[in-house]
Amino acid sequence: LSSLILERAGLVGCCEFHDEPSEHMSGEGIADLVETLHDRAKALDKKIWLVDHHVMEAGLFEGKVVAVRDGNGSHLETE
């Protein structure tokens, strides 16, 4: 929806956020999703953030940020 609104306003966003798109997907579906989003990021020259509870190991990611909660509270770790 946000892409449509931006397009109608003559604007182009530089990034996209996808919140838990792998809900109810199989492992194969998740792999296809990651590949599709990777191709989309390259084709549109965008940064795409994939926010999910599933651990996704794919060589297509430029990096990973993990939210960790421990005895000291919550913090982010980059990989």
PDB file of N, CA and C in Angstrom:
ATOM      1  N   LEU A   1       0.821  -1.191   0.000  1.00  0.00           N
ATOM      2  CA  LEU A   1       0.000   0.000   0.000  1.00  0.00           C
ATOM      3  C   LEU A   1       0.867   1.257   0.000  1.00  0.00           C
ATOM      4  N   SER A   2       1.924   1.238   0.814  1.00  0.00           N
ATOM      5  CA  SER A   2       2.780   2.427   0.873  1.00  0.00           C
ATOM      6  C   SER A   2       3.454   2.689  -0.473  1.00  0.00           C
ATOM      7  N   SER A   3       3.832   1.617  -1.191  1.00  0.00           N
ATOM      8  CA  SER A   3       4.444   1.799  -2.511  1.00  0.00           C
ATOM      9  C   SER A   3       3.469   2.465  -3.470  1.00  0.00           C
ATOM     10  N   LEU A   4       2.209   2.067  -3.419  1.00  0.00           N
ATOM     11  CA  LEU A   4       1.189   2.658  -4.282  1.00  0.00           C
ATOM     12  C   LEU A   4       1.003   4.138  -3.961  1.00  0.00           C
ATOM     13  N   ILE A   5       0.949   4.466  -2.688  1.00  0.00           N
ATOM     14  CA  ILE A   5       0.768   5.866  -2.274  1.00  0.00           C
ATOM     15  C   ILE A   5       1.969   6.703  -2.719  1.00  0.00           C
ATOM     16  N   LEU A   6       3.178   6.188  -2.506  1.00  0.00           N
ATOM     17  CA  LEU A   6       4.374   6.916  -2.931  1.00  0.00           C
ATOM     18  C   LEU A   6       4.389   7.111  -4.442  1.00  0.00           C
ATOM     19  N   GLU A   7       4.042   6.047  -5.172  1.00  0.00           N
ATOM     20  CA  GLU A   7       4.035   6.127  -6.636  1.00  0.00           C
ATOM     21  C   GLU A   7       3.048   7.184  -7.120  1.00  0.00           C
ATOM     22  N   ARG A   8       1.862   7.204  -6.527  1.00  0.00           N
ATOM     23  CA  ARG A   8       0.840   8.195  -6.913  1.00  0.00           C
ATOM     24  C   ARG A   8       1.307   9.617  -6.626  1.00  0.00           C
ATOM     25  N   ALA A   9       2.169   9.781  -5.615  1.00  0.00           N
ATOM     26  CA  ALA A   9       2.687  11.106  -5.262  1.00  0.00           C
ATOM     27  C   ALA A   9       3.940  11.451  -6.060  1.00  0.00           C
ATOM     28  N   GLY A  10       4.368  10.514  -6.924  1.00  0.00           N
ATOM     29  CA  GLY A  10       5.564  10.756  -7.725  1.00  0.00           C
ATOM     30  C   GLY A  10       6.849  10.554  -6.951  1.00  0.00           C
ATOM     31  N   LEU A  11       6.782   9.786  -5.877  1.00  0.00           N
ATOM     32  CA  LEU A  11       7.956   9.545  -5.039  1.00  0.00           C
ATOM     33  C   LEU A  11       8.391   8.090  -5.144  1.00  0.00           C
ATOM     34  N   VAL A  12       9.666   7.863  -4.861  1.00  0.00           N
ATOM     35  CA  VAL A  12      10.199   6.500  -4.857  1.00  0.00           C
ATOM     36  C   VAL A  12      10.906   6.281  -3.529  1.00  0.00           C
ATOM     37  N   GLY A  13      10.508   5.236  -2.816  1.00  0.00           N
ATOM     38  CA  GLY A  13      11.156   4.920  -1.545  1.00  0.00           C
ATOM     39  C   GLY A  13      12.475   4.197  -1.778  1.00  0.00           C
ATOM     40  N   CYS A  14      13.372   4.326  -0.820  1.00  0.00           N
ATOM     41  CA  CYS A  14      14.684   3.680  -0.945  1.00  0.00           C
ATOM     42  C   CYS A  14      14.756   2.369  -0.172  1.00  0.00           C
ATOM     43  N   CYS A  15      13.704   2.046   0.573  1.00  0.00           N
ATOM     44  CA  CYS A  15      13.734   0.802   1.335  1.00  0.00           C
ATOM     45  C   CYS A  15      12.321   0.263   1.530  1.00  0.00           C
ATOM     46  N   GLU A  16      12.274  -1.027   1.862  1.00  0.00           N
ATOM     47  CA  GLU A  16      11.013  -1.698   2.164  1.00  0.00           C
ATOM     48  C   GLU A  16      11.209  -2.497   3.440  1.00  0.00           C
ATOM     49  N   PHE A  17      10.150  -2.622   4.208  1.00  0.00           N
ATOM     50  CA  PHE A  17      10.157  -3.448   5.411  1.00  0.00           C
ATOM     51  C   PHE A  17       9.064  -4.494   5.274  1.00  0.00           C
ATOM     52  N   HIS A  18       9.417  -5.747   5.512  1.00  0.00           N
ATOM     53  CA  HIS A  18       8.462  -6.845   5.459  1.00  0.00           C
ATOM     54  C   HIS A  18       8.436  -7.498   6.838  1.00  0.00           C
ATOM     55  N   ASP A  19       7.294  -7.396   7.507  1.00  0.00           N
ATOM     56  CA  ASP A  19       7.153  -7.885   8.875  1.00  0.00           C
ATOM     57  C   ASP A  19       6.532  -9.276   8.880  1.00  0.00           C
ATOM     58  N   GLU A  20       7.319 -10.257   9.253  1.00  0.00           N
ATOM     59  CA  GLU A  20       6.909 -11.653   9.388  1.00  0.00           C
ATOM     60  C   GLU A  20       6.197 -12.209   8.146  1.00  0.00           C
ATOM     61  N   PRO A  21       6.813 -12.053   6.973  1.00  0.00           N
ATOM     62  CA  PRO A  21       6.166 -12.573   5.762  1.00  0.00           C
ATOM     63  C   PRO A  21       6.202 -14.094   5.664  1.00  0.00           C
ATOM     64  N   SER A  22       7.006 -14.750   6.484  1.00  0.00           N
ATOM     65  CA  SER A  22       7.146 -16.204   6.364  1.00  0.00           C
ATOM     66  C   SER A  22       6.152 -16.980   7.223  1.00  0.00           C
ATOM     67  N   GLU A  23       5.232 -16.263   7.876  1.00  0.00           N
ATOM     68  CA  GLU A  23       4.231 -16.922   8.712  1.00  0.00           C
ATOM     69  C   GLU A  23       3.495 -17.986   7.906  1.00  0.00           C
ATOM     70  N   HIS A  24       3.460 -19.194   8.420  1.00  0.00           N
ATOM     71  CA  HIS A  24       2.766 -20.339   7.808  1.00  0.00           C
ATOM     72  C   HIS A  24       3.412 -20.815   6.510  1.00  0.00           C
ATOM     73  N   MET A  25       4.680 -20.489   6.264  1.00  0.00           N
ATOM     74  CA  MET A  25       5.366 -20.946   5.055  1.00  0.00           C
ATOM     75  C   MET A  25       6.232 -22.159   5.362  1.00  0.00           C
ATOM     76  N   SER A  26       6.413 -22.987   4.371  1.00  0.00           N
ATOM     77  CA  SER A  26       7.324 -24.124   4.491  1.00  0.00           C
ATOM     78  C   SER A  26       8.757 -23.617   4.324  1.00  0.00           C
ATOM     79  N   GLY A  27       9.721 -24.460   4.614  1.00  0.00           N
ATOM     80  CA  GLY A  27      11.123 -24.101   4.420  1.00  0.00           C
ATOM     81  C   GLY A  27      11.413 -23.724   2.979  1.00  0.00           C
ATOM     82  N   GLU A  28      10.812 -24.460   2.053  1.00  0.00           N
ATOM     83  CA  GLU A  28      10.995 -24.163   0.628  1.00  0.00           C
ATOM     84  C   GLU A  28      10.368 -22.810   0.274  1.00  0.00           C
ATOM     85  N   GLY A  29       9.205 -22.543   0.841  1.00  0.00           N
ATOM     86  CA  GLY A  29       8.549 -21.259   0.604  1.00  0.00           C
ATOM     87  C   GLY A  29       9.369 -20.097   1.127  1.00  0.00           C
ATOM     88  N   ILE A  30       9.980 -20.274   2.301  1.00  0.00           N
ATOM     89  CA  ILE A  30      10.828 -19.231   2.879  1.00  0.00           C
ATOM     90  C   ILE A  30      12.041 -18.986   1.991  1.00  0.00           C
ATOM     91  N   ALA A  31      12.664 -20.061   1.498  1.00  0.00           N
ATOM     92  CA  ALA A  31      13.818 -19.920   0.604  1.00  0.00           C
ATOM     93  C   ALA A  31      13.425 -19.156  -0.661  1.00  0.00           C
ATOM     94  N   ASP A  32      12.249 -19.476  -1.218  1.00  0.00           N
ATOM     95  CA  ASP A  32      11.769 -18.764  -2.407  1.00  0.00           C
ATOM     96  C   ASP A  32      11.503 -17.298  -2.097  1.00  0.00           C
ATOM     97  N   LEU A  33      10.939 -17.024  -0.927  1.00  0.00           N
ATOM     98  CA  LEU A  33      10.667 -15.651  -0.514  1.00  0.00           C
ATOM     99  C   LEU A  33      11.960 -14.846  -0.438  1.00  0.00           C
ATOM    100  N   VAL A  34      12.970 -15.411   0.213  1.00  0.00           N
ATOM    101  CA  VAL A  34      14.249 -14.713   0.363  1.00  0.00           C
ATOM    102  C   VAL A  34      14.859 -14.426  -1.009  1.00  0.00           C
ATOM    103  N   GLU A  35      14.808 -15.398  -1.898  1.00  0.00           N
ATOM    104  CA  GLU A  35      15.358 -15.203  -3.246  1.00  0.00           C
ATOM    105  C   GLU A  35      14.580 -14.123  -4.007  1.00  0.00           C
ATOM    106  N   THR A  36      13.260 -14.147  -3.878  1.00  0.00           N
ATOM    107  CA  THR A  36      12.427 -13.149  -4.556  1.00  0.00           C
ATOM    108  C   THR A  36      12.705 -11.745  -4.035  1.00  0.00           C
ATOM    109  N   LEU A  37      12.817 -11.602  -2.715  1.00  0.00           N
ATOM    110  CA  LEU A  37      13.106 -10.282  -2.141  1.00  0.00           C
ATOM    111  C   LEU A  37      14.506  -9.810  -2.510  1.00  0.00           C
ATOM    112  N   HIS A  38      15.451 -10.734  -2.600  1.00  0.00           N
ATOM    113  CA  HIS A  38      16.812 -10.387  -3.034  1.00  0.00           C
ATOM    114  C   HIS A  38      16.778  -9.846  -4.466  1.00  0.00           C
ATOM    115  N   ASP A  39      16.089 -10.556  -5.341  1.00  0.00           N
ATOM    116  CA  ASP A  39      15.977 -10.114  -6.738  1.00  0.00           C
ATOM    117  C   ASP A  39      15.271  -8.767  -6.827  1.00  0.00           C
ATOM    118  N   ARG A  40      14.247  -8.569  -6.014  1.00  0.00           N
ATOM    119  CA  ARG A  40      13.513  -7.303  -6.002  1.00  0.00           C
ATOM    120  C   ARG A  40      14.412  -6.148  -5.554  1.00  0.00           C
ATOM    121  N   ALA A  41      15.197  -6.393  -4.521  1.00  0.00           N
ATOM    122  CA  ALA A  41      16.104  -5.353  -4.016  1.00  0.00           C
ATOM    123  C   ALA A  41      17.096  -4.935  -5.099  1.00  0.00           C
ATOM    124  N   LYS A  42      17.627  -5.908  -5.807  1.00  0.00           N
ATOM    125  CA  LYS A  42      18.587  -5.597  -6.877  1.00  0.00           C
ATOM    126  C   LYS A  42      17.899  -4.860  -8.028  1.00  0.00           C
ATOM    127  N   ALA A  43      16.738  -5.354  -8.455  1.00  0.00           N
ATOM    128  CA  ALA A  43      16.044  -4.765  -9.599  1.00  0.00           C
ATOM    129  C   ALA A  43      15.606  -3.330  -9.328  1.00  0.00           C
ATOM    130  N   LEU A  44      15.186  -3.053  -8.095  1.00  0.00           N
ATOM    131  CA  LEU A  44      14.687  -1.722  -7.748  1.00  0.00           C
ATOM    132  C   LEU A  44      15.722  -0.853  -7.052  1.00  0.00           C
ATOM    133  N   ASP A  45      16.927  -1.399  -6.855  1.00  0.00           N
ATOM    134  CA  ASP A  45      18.005  -0.697  -6.155  1.00  0.00           C
ATOM    135  C   ASP A  45      17.524  -0.179  -4.804  1.00  0.00           C
ATOM    136  N   LYS A  46      16.970  -1.117  -4.000  1.00  0.00           N
ATOM    137  CA  LYS A  46      16.436  -0.782  -2.683  1.00  0.00           C
ATOM    138  C   LYS A  46      17.062  -1.658  -1.610  1.00  0.00           C
ATOM    139  N   LYS A  47      17.016  -1.176  -0.402  1.00  0.00           N
ATOM    140  CA  LYS A  47      17.330  -1.985   0.773  1.00  0.00           C
ATOM    141  C   LYS A  47      16.030  -2.602   1.238  1.00  0.00           C
ATOM    142  N   ILE A  48      16.018  -3.890   1.450  1.00  0.00           N
ATOM    143  CA  ILE A  48      14.830  -4.563   1.933  1.00  0.00           C
ATOM    144  C   ILE A  48      15.140  -5.197   3.272  1.00  0.00           C
ATOM    145  N   TRP A  49      14.361  -4.820   4.267  1.00  0.00           N
ATOM    146  CA  TRP A  49      14.498  -5.356   5.621  1.00  0.00           C
ATOM    147  C   TRP A  49      13.439  -6.426   5.815  1.00  0.00           C
ATOM    148  N   LEU A  50      13.873  -7.590   6.233  1.00  0.00           N
ATOM    149  CA  LEU A  50      12.991  -8.717   6.486  1.00  0.00           C
ATOM    150  C   LEU A  50      12.983  -8.959   7.985  1.00  0.00           C
ATOM    151  N   VAL A  51      11.854  -8.703   8.628  1.00  0.00           N
ATOM    152  CA  VAL A  51      11.725  -8.845  10.082  1.00  0.00           C
ATOM    153  C   VAL A  51      10.945 -10.123  10.344  1.00  0.00           C
ATOM    154  N   ASP A  52      11.568 -11.081  11.040  1.00  0.00           N
ATOM    155  CA  ASP A  52      10.931 -12.376  11.195  1.00  0.00           C
ATOM    156  C   ASP A  52      11.471 -13.097  12.415  1.00  0.00           C
ATOM    157  N   HIS A  53      10.652 -14.019  12.960  1.00  0.00           N
ATOM    158  CA  HIS A  53      11.096 -14.845  14.076  1.00  0.00           C
ATOM    159  C   HIS A  53      11.838 -16.087  13.601  1.00  0.00           C
ATOM    160  N   HIS A  54      11.675 -16.445  12.334  1.00  0.00           N
ATOM    161  CA  HIS A  54      12.396 -17.598  11.794  1.00  0.00           C
ATOM    162  C   HIS A  54      13.854 -17.237  11.535  1.00  0.00           C
ATOM    163  N   VAL A  55      14.728 -18.163  11.798  1.00  0.00           N
ATOM    164  CA  VAL A  55      16.135 -17.977  11.459  1.00  0.00           C
ATOM    165  C   VAL A  55      16.292 -18.327   9.991  1.00  0.00           C
ATOM    166  N   MET A  56      16.790 -17.392   9.228  1.00  0.00           N
ATOM    167  CA  MET A  56      16.934 -17.605   7.791  1.00  0.00           C
ATOM    168  C   MET A  56      18.402 -17.494   7.436  1.00  0.00           C
ATOM    169  N   GLU A  57      18.970 -18.598   7.060  1.00  0.00           N
ATOM    170  CA  GLU A  57      20.369 -18.610   6.654  1.00  0.00           C
ATOM    171  C   GLU A  57      20.422 -18.643   5.136  1.00  0.00           C
ATOM    172  N   ALA A  58      20.758 -17.532   4.563  1.00  0.00           N
ATOM    173  CA  ALA A  58      20.884 -17.471   3.107  1.00  0.00           C
ATOM    174  C   ALA A  58      22.044 -16.558   2.769  1.00  0.00           C
ATOM    175  N   GLY A  59      22.848 -16.953   1.836  1.00  0.00           N
ATOM    176  CA  GLY A  59      23.983 -16.147   1.422  1.00  0.00           C
ATOM    177  C   GLY A  59      23.573 -14.891   0.681  1.00  0.00           C
ATOM    178  N   LEU A  60      22.274 -14.669   0.528  1.00  0.00           N
ATOM    179  CA  LEU A  60      21.784 -13.515  -0.210  1.00  0.00           C
ATOM    180  C   LEU A  60      21.672 -12.270   0.656  1.00  0.00           C
ATOM    181  N   PHE A  61      21.760 -12.418   1.968  1.00  0.00           N
ATOM    182  CA  PHE A  61      21.645 -11.274   2.865  1.00  0.00           C
ATOM    183  C   PHE A  61      22.972 -10.530   2.950  1.00  0.00           C
ATOM    184  N   GLU A  62      22.887  -9.199   2.996  1.00  0.00           N
ATOM    185  CA  GLU A  62      24.097  -8.392   3.195  1.00  0.00           C
ATOM    186  C   GLU A  62      24.497  -8.368   4.659  1.00  0.00           C
ATOM    187  N   GLY A  63      23.581  -8.659   5.538  1.00  0.00           N
ATOM    188  CA  GLY A  63      23.872  -8.656   6.959  1.00  0.00           C
ATOM    189  C   GLY A  63      22.662  -9.091   7.738  1.00  0.00           C
ATOM    190  N   LYS A  64      22.849  -9.168   9.042  1.00  0.00           N
ATOM    191  CA  LYS A  64      21.758  -9.605   9.901  1.00  0.00           C
ATOM    192  C   LYS A  64      21.851  -8.838  11.213  1.00  0.00           C
ATOM    193  N   VAL A  65      20.706  -8.397  11.712  1.00  0.00           N
ATOM    194  CA  VAL A  65      20.609  -7.747  13.011  1.00  0.00           C
ATOM    195  C   VAL A  65      19.673  -8.616  13.846  1.00  0.00           C
ATOM    196  N   VAL A  66      20.136  -9.016  15.020  1.00  0.00           N
ATOM    197  CA  VAL A  66      19.360  -9.897  15.881  1.00  0.00           C
ATOM    198  C   VAL A  66      19.036  -9.163  17.176  1.00  0.00           C
ATOM    199  N   ALA A  67      17.750  -9.164  17.545  1.00  0.00           N
ATOM    200  CA  ALA A  67      17.341  -8.598  18.829  1.00  0.00           C
ATOM    201  C   ALA A  67      17.472  -9.693  19.879  1.00  0.00           C
ATOM    202  N   VAL A  68      18.232  -9.403  20.940  1.00  0.00           N
ATOM    203  CA  VAL A  68      18.505 -10.384  21.984  1.00  0.00           C
ATOM    204  C   VAL A  68      18.000  -9.840  23.312  1.00  0.00           C
ATOM    205  N   ARG A  69      17.287 -10.684  24.058  1.00  0.00           N
ATOM    206  CA  ARG A  69      16.853 -10.304  25.394  1.00  0.00           C
ATOM    207  C   ARG A  69      17.563 -11.223  26.380  1.00  0.00           C
ATOM    208  N   ASP A  70      18.245 -10.632  27.339  1.00  0.00           N
ATOM    209  CA  ASP A  70      18.933 -11.418  28.356  1.00  0.00           C
ATOM    210  C   ASP A  70      18.740 -10.755  29.722  1.00  0.00           C
ATOM    211  N   GLY A  71      19.512 -11.147  30.697  1.00  0.00           N
ATOM    212  CA  GLY A  71      19.389 -10.613  32.051  1.00  0.00           C
ATOM    213  C   GLY A  71      19.644  -9.121  32.147  1.00  0.00           C
ATOM    214  N   ASN A  72      20.310  -8.547  31.150  1.00  0.00           N
ATOM    215  CA  ASN A  72      20.616  -7.118  31.150  1.00  0.00           C
ATOM    216  C   ASN A  72      19.595  -6.308  30.357  1.00  0.00           C
ATOM    217  N   GLY A  73      18.567  -6.949  29.846  1.00  0.00           N
ATOM    218  CA  GLY A  73      17.584  -6.247  29.030  1.00  0.00           C
ATOM    219  C   GLY A  73      17.672  -6.693  27.584  1.00  0.00           C
ATOM    220  N   SER A  74      17.275  -5.837  26.684  1.00  0.00           N
ATOM    221  CA  SER A  74      17.296  -6.147  25.255  1.00  0.00           C
ATOM    222  C   SER A  74      18.350  -5.295  24.559  1.00  0.00           C
ATOM    223  N   HIS A  75      18.973  -5.902  23.547  1.00  0.00           N
ATOM    224  CA  HIS A  75      19.958  -5.181  22.741  1.00  0.00           C
ATOM    225  C   HIS A  75      20.029  -5.809  21.359  1.00  0.00           C
ATOM    226  N   LEU A  76      20.643  -5.100  20.427  1.00  0.00           N
ATOM    227  CA  LEU A  76      20.789  -5.586  19.060  1.00  0.00           C
ATOM    228  C   LEU A  76      22.213  -6.065  18.827  1.00  0.00           C
ATOM    229  N   GLU A  77      22.333  -7.160  18.097  1.00  0.00           N
ATOM    230  CA  GLU A  77      23.639  -7.669  17.675  1.00  0.00           C
ATOM    231  C   GLU A  77      23.652  -7.750  16.158  1.00  0.00           C
ATOM    232  N   THR A  78      24.742  -7.336  15.561  1.00  0.00           N
ATOM    233  CA  THR A  78      24.874  -7.421  14.105  1.00  0.00           C
ATOM    234  C   THR A  78      25.804  -8.561  13.752  1.00  0.00           C
ATOM    235  N   GLU A  79      25.490  -9.187  12.648  1.00  0.00           N
ATOM    236  CA  GLU A  79      26.313 -10.299  12.161  1.00  0.00           C
ATOM    237  C   GLU A  79      26.666 -10.061  10.720  1.00  0.00           C
TER     238      GLU A  79
END
